[in-house]
Amino acid sequence: MCSIASDSTATLLVSCPDQRGIVARIANFIDSNGGNIIHTDQHVDAEESLFLTRVEWQLDRFNLPQELIDPAFGAISRPLEAQWQLHFSNMRPKIAIWVSKQNHCLLDLLWRHQAGELPGEIKLIVSNHPNLQGISQQFNIDYHHIPITKETKAFQELKQISLLEEYDIDLVVLAKYMQVLSADNLPNFPAVINIHHSFLPAFPAAKPYHRAHARVVIVSGATAHYFTEILDEGPIIEQDVSRVSHRDTVPDLIRKGKDLERIVLARAVRSHLQHRVISYGNRTVVFD
């Protein structure tokens, strides 16, 4: 068995029908194997009668090797009809960032990654345009230009999926990737986080700033969500708003919106990488 760093942790994300004794069973599993719980949080969705929890514990004195924890926990969780994910802090998720021509979200994520704010590894950048290749060279990250047209979309997406498999990618971040992923190919993707430039469900799809300006809104927003086959309706991870004025023009809204997009996307990516998000149906629980 390989040695484990003293600060390494395991994190369980669990959802199951609400019932008595769930917390005790999980805590007893960890305690009986020598684990020390350092973070725990839980939520009950009363409408769905669903219990959701996040538990993190130290691994340095845990009796089970990492490869045996999941099957061991499965033995106690299956009677609870639970769904669970198990993650380890010493196994950093691999990230692919997809972009088109806008660079503000890409640069923000790369800066945060360089500063050590994102607990993952950005392995490649994929774009349907060559414009941002220089940025990838600055940060020494592989860049793949895969042009997309209506006629070639399905075939080119297969190339993109092949790249994700080659780099063993765990998370795709659509950082202003101005393409809609095909529903037929979506099951072949890992988790996908998208940034949308409005406070969903308001102003989905294209040109939300123009439509917000036409409606004379007093706040403008941004939303990060998991990408699903229904456009801009995936489970929401993070949102924020900024106030706007009747004096603001469309370019003003776009400028303010870009600031929000950077922050909201970074928060969502960090929450996902820290294994703080459980999605179920079209809902999410984000444990702060």
Protein backbone atom coordinates (compact mmCIF):
# COMPACT_ATOMS: atom_id res chain seq x y z
CA MET A 1 0.00 0.00 0.00
CA CYS A 2 1.41 3.42 -0.97
CA SER A 3 1.98 6.00 1.75
CA ILE A 4 -0.61 8.74 2.21
CA ALA A 5 0.29 12.36 2.90
CA SER A 6 -0.70 13.50 6.37
CA ASP A 7 -3.01 16.17 4.97
CA SER A 8 -4.80 13.89 2.48
CA THR A 9 -8.56 13.57 2.90
CA ALA A 10 -11.48 11.59 1.52
CA THR A 11 -14.83 13.18 0.72
CA LEU A 12 -18.15 11.38 0.44
CA LEU A 13 -21.14 12.92 -1.30
CA VAL A 14 -24.27 10.91 -0.51
CA SER A 15 -27.93 11.22 -1.46
CA CYS A 16 -30.64 8.76 -0.44
CA PRO A 17 -34.27 8.61 0.68
CA ASP A 18 -34.59 10.38 4.01
CA GLN A 19 -34.73 7.93 6.93
CA ARG A 20 -33.51 7.50 10.49
CA GLY A 21 -29.92 6.60 11.26
CA ILE A 22 -28.14 7.77 8.09
CA VAL A 23 -25.72 10.13 9.82
CA ALA A 24 -24.92 7.50 12.46
CA ARG A 25 -24.17 4.83 9.85
CA ILE A 26 -21.82 7.06 7.87
CA ALA A 27 -20.06 8.35 10.99
CA ASN A 28 -19.72 4.83 12.38
CA PHE A 29 -18.20 3.59 9.09
CA ILE A 30 -15.54 6.29 9.25
CA ASP A 31 -14.90 6.00 13.00
CA SER A 32 -14.71 2.20 13.03
CA ASN A 33 -11.97 2.39 10.40
CA GLY A 34 -9.90 4.94 12.31
CA GLY A 35 -10.99 8.06 10.41
CA ASN A 36 -11.24 11.57 11.85
CA ILE A 37 -14.08 13.64 10.37
CA ILE A 38 -13.01 17.24 9.74
CA HIS A 39 -16.02 18.60 7.80
CA THR A 40 -19.63 17.50 7.60
CA ASP A 41 -22.78 19.10 6.26
CA GLN A 42 -26.22 17.86 5.36
CA HIS A 43 -29.55 18.89 3.89
CA VAL A 44 -33.00 17.34 3.65
CA ASP A 45 -35.18 18.16 0.65
CA ALA A 46 -38.58 17.79 2.28
CA GLU A 47 -40.45 17.93 -1.03
CA GLU A 48 -38.45 15.03 -2.45
CA SER A 49 -37.97 13.30 0.95
CA LEU A 50 -34.28 13.17 0.05
CA PHE A 51 -31.30 13.30 2.39
CA LEU A 52 -28.03 14.77 1.08
CA THR A 53 -24.71 15.02 2.86
CA ARG A 54 -21.02 15.83 2.38
CA VAL A 55 -18.51 14.27 4.77
CA GLU A 56 -14.73 14.78 4.66
CA TRP A 57 -12.22 12.92 6.81
CA GLN A 58 -8.47 12.49 7.21
CA LEU A 59 -6.79 9.50 5.59
CA ASP A 60 -3.41 9.31 7.31
CA ARG A 61 -4.64 6.90 10.01
CA PHE A 62 -7.56 5.37 8.12
CA ASN A 63 -7.40 1.58 8.19
CA LEU A 64 -8.68 0.94 4.66
CA PRO A 65 -6.53 1.59 1.58
CA GLN A 66 -8.08 4.04 -0.86
CA GLU A 67 -9.04 1.39 -3.40
CA LEU A 68 -11.12 -0.50 -0.82
CA ILE A 69 -13.07 2.43 0.66
CA ASP A 70 -15.67 2.62 -2.10
CA PRO A 71 -16.66 -1.07 -2.08
CA ALA A 72 -16.62 -1.11 1.73
CA PHE A 73 -18.93 1.89 1.93
CA GLY A 74 -21.15 0.34 -0.73
CA ALA A 75 -21.94 -2.52 1.63
CA ILE A 76 -23.61 -0.15 4.10
CA SER A 77 -25.03 2.34 1.60
CA ARG A 78 -26.92 0.01 -0.71
CA PRO A 79 -29.53 -0.91 1.93
CA LEU A 80 -30.14 2.85 2.24
CA GLU A 81 -30.81 3.01 -1.54
CA ALA A 82 -28.05 5.60 -1.64
CA GLN A 83 -26.16 7.13 -4.50
CA TRP A 84 -22.66 8.26 -3.60
CA GLN A 85 -19.43 9.69 -4.90
CA LEU A 86 -16.05 9.18 -3.27
CA HIS A 87 -13.19 11.62 -3.90
CA PHE A 88 -9.62 11.94 -2.62
CA SER A 89 -7.69 15.18 -2.19
CA ASN A 90 -4.49 13.54 -3.45
CA MET A 91 -6.14 12.77 -6.80
CA ARG A 92 -6.49 16.11 -8.58
CA PRO A 93 -9.20 16.28 -11.28
CA LYS A 94 -8.04 16.99 -14.85
CA ILE A 95 -9.72 19.96 -16.55
CA ALA A 96 -10.29 20.98 -20.17
CA ILE A 97 -11.34 24.56 -20.92
CA TRP A 98 -13.32 25.17 -24.10
CA VAL A 99 -13.41 28.66 -25.60
CA SER A 100 -14.31 30.54 -28.76
CA LYS A 101 -12.93 34.08 -29.16
CA GLN A 102 -13.59 35.79 -25.81
CA ASN A 103 -10.69 35.48 -23.39
CA HIS A 104 -11.88 36.97 -20.08
CA CYS A 105 -13.12 33.75 -18.44
CA LEU A 106 -10.20 31.74 -19.82
CA LEU A 107 -7.60 34.15 -18.46
CA ASP A 108 -9.30 34.32 -15.07
CA LEU A 109 -9.29 30.53 -14.70
CA LEU A 110 -5.67 30.27 -15.83
CA TRP A 111 -4.58 32.97 -13.38
CA ARG A 112 -6.43 31.27 -10.53
CA HIS A 113 -4.96 27.92 -11.51
CA GLN A 114 -1.47 29.43 -11.55
CA ALA A 115 -2.11 30.97 -8.11
CA GLY A 116 -3.16 27.58 -6.70
CA GLU A 117 -6.81 28.55 -6.14
CA LEU A 118 -8.26 25.66 -8.15
CA PRO A 119 -7.69 22.14 -6.78
CA GLY A 120 -7.28 20.56 -10.20
CA GLU A 121 -5.01 20.47 -13.25
CA ILE A 122 -5.85 22.34 -16.46
CA LYS A 123 -4.56 19.97 -19.12
CA LEU A 124 -5.78 21.46 -22.37
CA ILE A 125 -7.69 24.23 -24.10
CA VAL A 126 -10.04 23.40 -26.97
CA SER A 127 -11.40 26.06 -29.31
CA ASN A 128 -13.34 26.35 -32.52
CA HIS A 129 -11.13 29.36 -33.39
CA PRO A 130 -7.32 29.84 -33.39
CA ASN A 131 -7.46 33.30 -31.78
CA LEU A 132 -6.50 32.37 -28.20
CA GLN A 133 -3.63 30.01 -28.94
CA GLY A 134 -1.11 32.61 -27.78
CA ILE A 135 -2.60 32.52 -24.30
CA SER A 136 -2.12 28.77 -24.10
CA GLN A 137 1.53 29.20 -25.01
CA GLN A 138 1.99 31.78 -22.23
CA PHE A 139 0.67 29.29 -19.69
CA ASN A 140 2.30 26.23 -21.31
CA ILE A 141 -0.99 24.41 -21.82
CA ASP A 142 -1.85 22.35 -24.90
CA TYR A 143 -4.20 24.06 -27.36
CA HIS A 144 -6.33 22.26 -29.92
CA HIS A 145 -8.10 24.18 -32.66
CA ILE A 146 -11.08 22.20 -33.92
CA PRO A 147 -13.21 24.33 -36.29
CA ILE A 148 -16.96 23.79 -36.15
CA THR A 149 -19.55 24.31 -38.87
CA LYS A 150 -23.15 23.18 -39.02
CA GLU A 151 -22.14 20.47 -41.47
CA THR A 152 -19.10 19.20 -39.55
CA LYS A 153 -20.36 19.60 -35.97
CA ALA A 154 -21.15 15.95 -35.23
CA PHE A 155 -17.86 14.67 -36.68
CA GLN A 156 -15.75 17.35 -34.99
CA GLU A 157 -17.35 16.64 -31.63
CA LEU A 158 -16.12 13.07 -31.92
CA LYS A 159 -12.59 14.49 -32.25
CA GLN A 160 -13.19 16.58 -29.15
CA ILE A 161 -14.43 13.55 -27.20
CA SER A 162 -11.37 11.60 -28.33
CA LEU A 163 -9.17 14.38 -26.91
CA LEU A 164 -10.99 14.24 -23.58
CA GLU A 165 -10.33 10.51 -23.41
CA GLU A 166 -6.68 10.95 -24.42
CA TYR A 167 -6.07 13.49 -21.65
CA ASP A 168 -8.27 11.57 -19.17
CA ILE A 169 -10.36 14.70 -18.51
CA ASP A 170 -12.70 14.78 -15.51
CA LEU A 171 -14.29 18.21 -16.06
CA VAL A 172 -15.03 20.35 -19.12
CA VAL A 173 -15.47 24.07 -18.52
CA LEU A 174 -17.27 26.00 -21.26
CA ALA A 175 -15.61 29.38 -20.70
CA LYS A 176 -17.60 31.33 -23.30
CA TYR A 177 -17.58 28.47 -25.79
CA MET A 178 -20.21 29.80 -28.16
CA GLN A 179 -21.41 26.42 -29.36
CA VAL A 180 -24.19 24.11 -28.17
CA LEU A 181 -23.02 20.57 -27.46
CA SER A 182 -24.99 17.94 -29.37
CA ALA A 183 -27.45 16.00 -27.23
CA ASP A 184 -26.46 12.74 -28.95
CA ASN A 185 -22.81 13.15 -27.92
CA LEU A 186 -23.39 14.60 -24.47
CA PRO A 187 -23.47 11.20 -22.67
CA ASN A 188 -19.84 10.70 -23.78
CA PHE A 189 -18.68 13.84 -21.97
CA PRO A 190 -17.56 14.03 -18.34
CA ALA A 191 -19.16 16.71 -16.16
CA VAL A 192 -19.59 19.97 -18.10
CA ILE A 193 -19.94 23.43 -16.50
CA ASN A 194 -21.20 26.32 -18.61
CA ILE A 195 -21.27 30.07 -17.93
CA HIS A 196 -24.34 31.94 -19.14
CA HIS A 197 -24.46 35.72 -19.29
CA SER A 198 -27.75 36.29 -17.49
CA PHE A 199 -29.43 35.47 -14.19
CA LEU A 200 -31.26 32.33 -15.33
CA PRO A 201 -34.07 31.58 -15.86
CA ALA A 202 -34.26 35.17 -17.16
CA PHE A 203 -32.96 35.74 -20.70
CA PRO A 204 -31.78 32.29 -21.75
CA ALA A 205 -30.05 31.62 -25.10
CA ALA A 206 -28.50 34.38 -27.24
CA LYS A 207 -28.10 38.16 -26.74
CA PRO A 208 -29.31 38.36 -23.11
CA TYR A 209 -27.64 41.76 -22.55
CA HIS A 210 -29.50 43.26 -25.48
CA ARG A 211 -32.78 41.86 -24.22
CA ALA A 212 -32.03 43.01 -20.66
CA HIS A 213 -31.33 46.52 -21.96
CA ALA A 214 -34.61 46.51 -23.88
CA ARG A 215 -36.47 45.53 -20.69
CA VAL A 216 -34.68 48.28 -18.68
CA VAL A 217 -33.70 45.88 -15.91
CA ILE A 218 -32.17 47.21 -12.68
CA VAL A 219 -29.90 44.20 -12.11
CA SER A 220 -27.84 42.12 -14.51
CA GLY A 221 -26.54 38.67 -13.70
CA ALA A 222 -24.52 35.61 -14.62
CA THR A 223 -25.16 31.92 -14.02
CA ALA A 224 -22.86 28.89 -13.93
CA HIS A 225 -24.64 25.58 -14.39
CA TYR A 226 -24.10 22.01 -15.44
CA PHE A 227 -24.66 21.64 -19.15
CA THR A 228 -27.56 19.37 -20.13
CA GLU A 229 -29.35 18.55 -23.34
CA ILE A 230 -31.89 21.30 -22.64
CA LEU A 231 -30.17 24.61 -23.39
CA ASP A 232 -29.49 26.83 -20.33
CA GLU A 233 -31.67 24.70 -18.05
CA GLY A 234 -29.05 22.52 -16.34
CA PRO A 235 -28.69 22.41 -12.54
CA ILE A 236 -27.42 25.77 -11.28
CA ILE A 237 -24.20 25.86 -9.26
CA GLU A 238 -23.56 29.59 -8.81
CA GLN A 239 -25.21 32.93 -9.62
CA ASP A 240 -24.62 36.61 -8.89
CA VAL A 241 -25.94 40.01 -9.94
CA SER A 242 -24.79 43.60 -10.22
CA ARG A 243 -26.92 46.73 -10.29
CA VAL A 244 -27.37 48.55 -13.55
CA SER A 245 -28.70 51.99 -14.33
CA HIS A 246 -31.07 53.45 -16.87
CA ARG A 247 -27.97 55.26 -18.13
CA ASP A 248 -26.18 52.00 -18.96
CA THR A 249 -25.87 51.11 -22.62
CA VAL A 250 -25.57 47.59 -24.02
CA PRO A 251 -21.73 47.87 -23.96
CA ASP A 252 -21.97 48.89 -20.29
CA LEU A 253 -24.05 45.81 -19.53
CA ILE A 254 -21.57 43.61 -21.39
CA ARG A 255 -18.62 45.12 -19.48
CA LYS A 256 -20.33 44.62 -16.11
CA GLY A 257 -21.46 41.19 -17.19
CA LYS A 258 -17.94 40.05 -18.03
CA ASP A 259 -16.83 40.88 -14.50
CA LEU A 260 -19.65 38.75 -13.11
CA GLU A 261 -19.02 35.91 -15.55
CA ARG A 262 -15.41 35.57 -14.39
CA ILE A 263 -16.32 35.47 -10.69
CA VAL A 264 -19.37 33.23 -11.02
CA LEU A 265 -17.61 30.69 -13.24
CA ALA A 266 -14.56 30.54 -10.95
CA ARG A 267 -16.76 29.97 -7.89
CA ALA A 268 -18.67 27.19 -9.63
CA VAL A 269 -15.53 25.44 -10.85
CA ARG A 270 -13.94 25.66 -7.41
CA SER A 271 -17.07 24.27 -5.71
CA HIS A 272 -17.16 21.37 -8.16
CA LEU A 273 -13.44 20.62 -7.74
CA GLN A 274 -13.79 20.72 -3.96
CA HIS A 275 -16.63 18.19 -4.28
CA ARG A 276 -19.18 20.49 -2.67
CA VAL A 277 -21.98 20.02 -5.21
CA ILE A 278 -24.64 17.34 -5.39
CA SER A 279 -27.04 17.56 -8.33
CA TYR A 280 -30.29 15.63 -8.49
CA GLY A 281 -32.94 16.08 -11.14
CA ASN A 282 -32.59 19.70 -12.12
CA ARG A 283 -31.60 20.86 -8.64
CA THR A 284 -28.34 21.25 -6.79
CA VAL A 285 -27.16 21.43 -3.22
CA VAL A 286 -23.92 23.38 -2.83
CA PHE A 287 -22.28 22.88 0.55
CA ASP A 288 -20.31 26.03 1.44
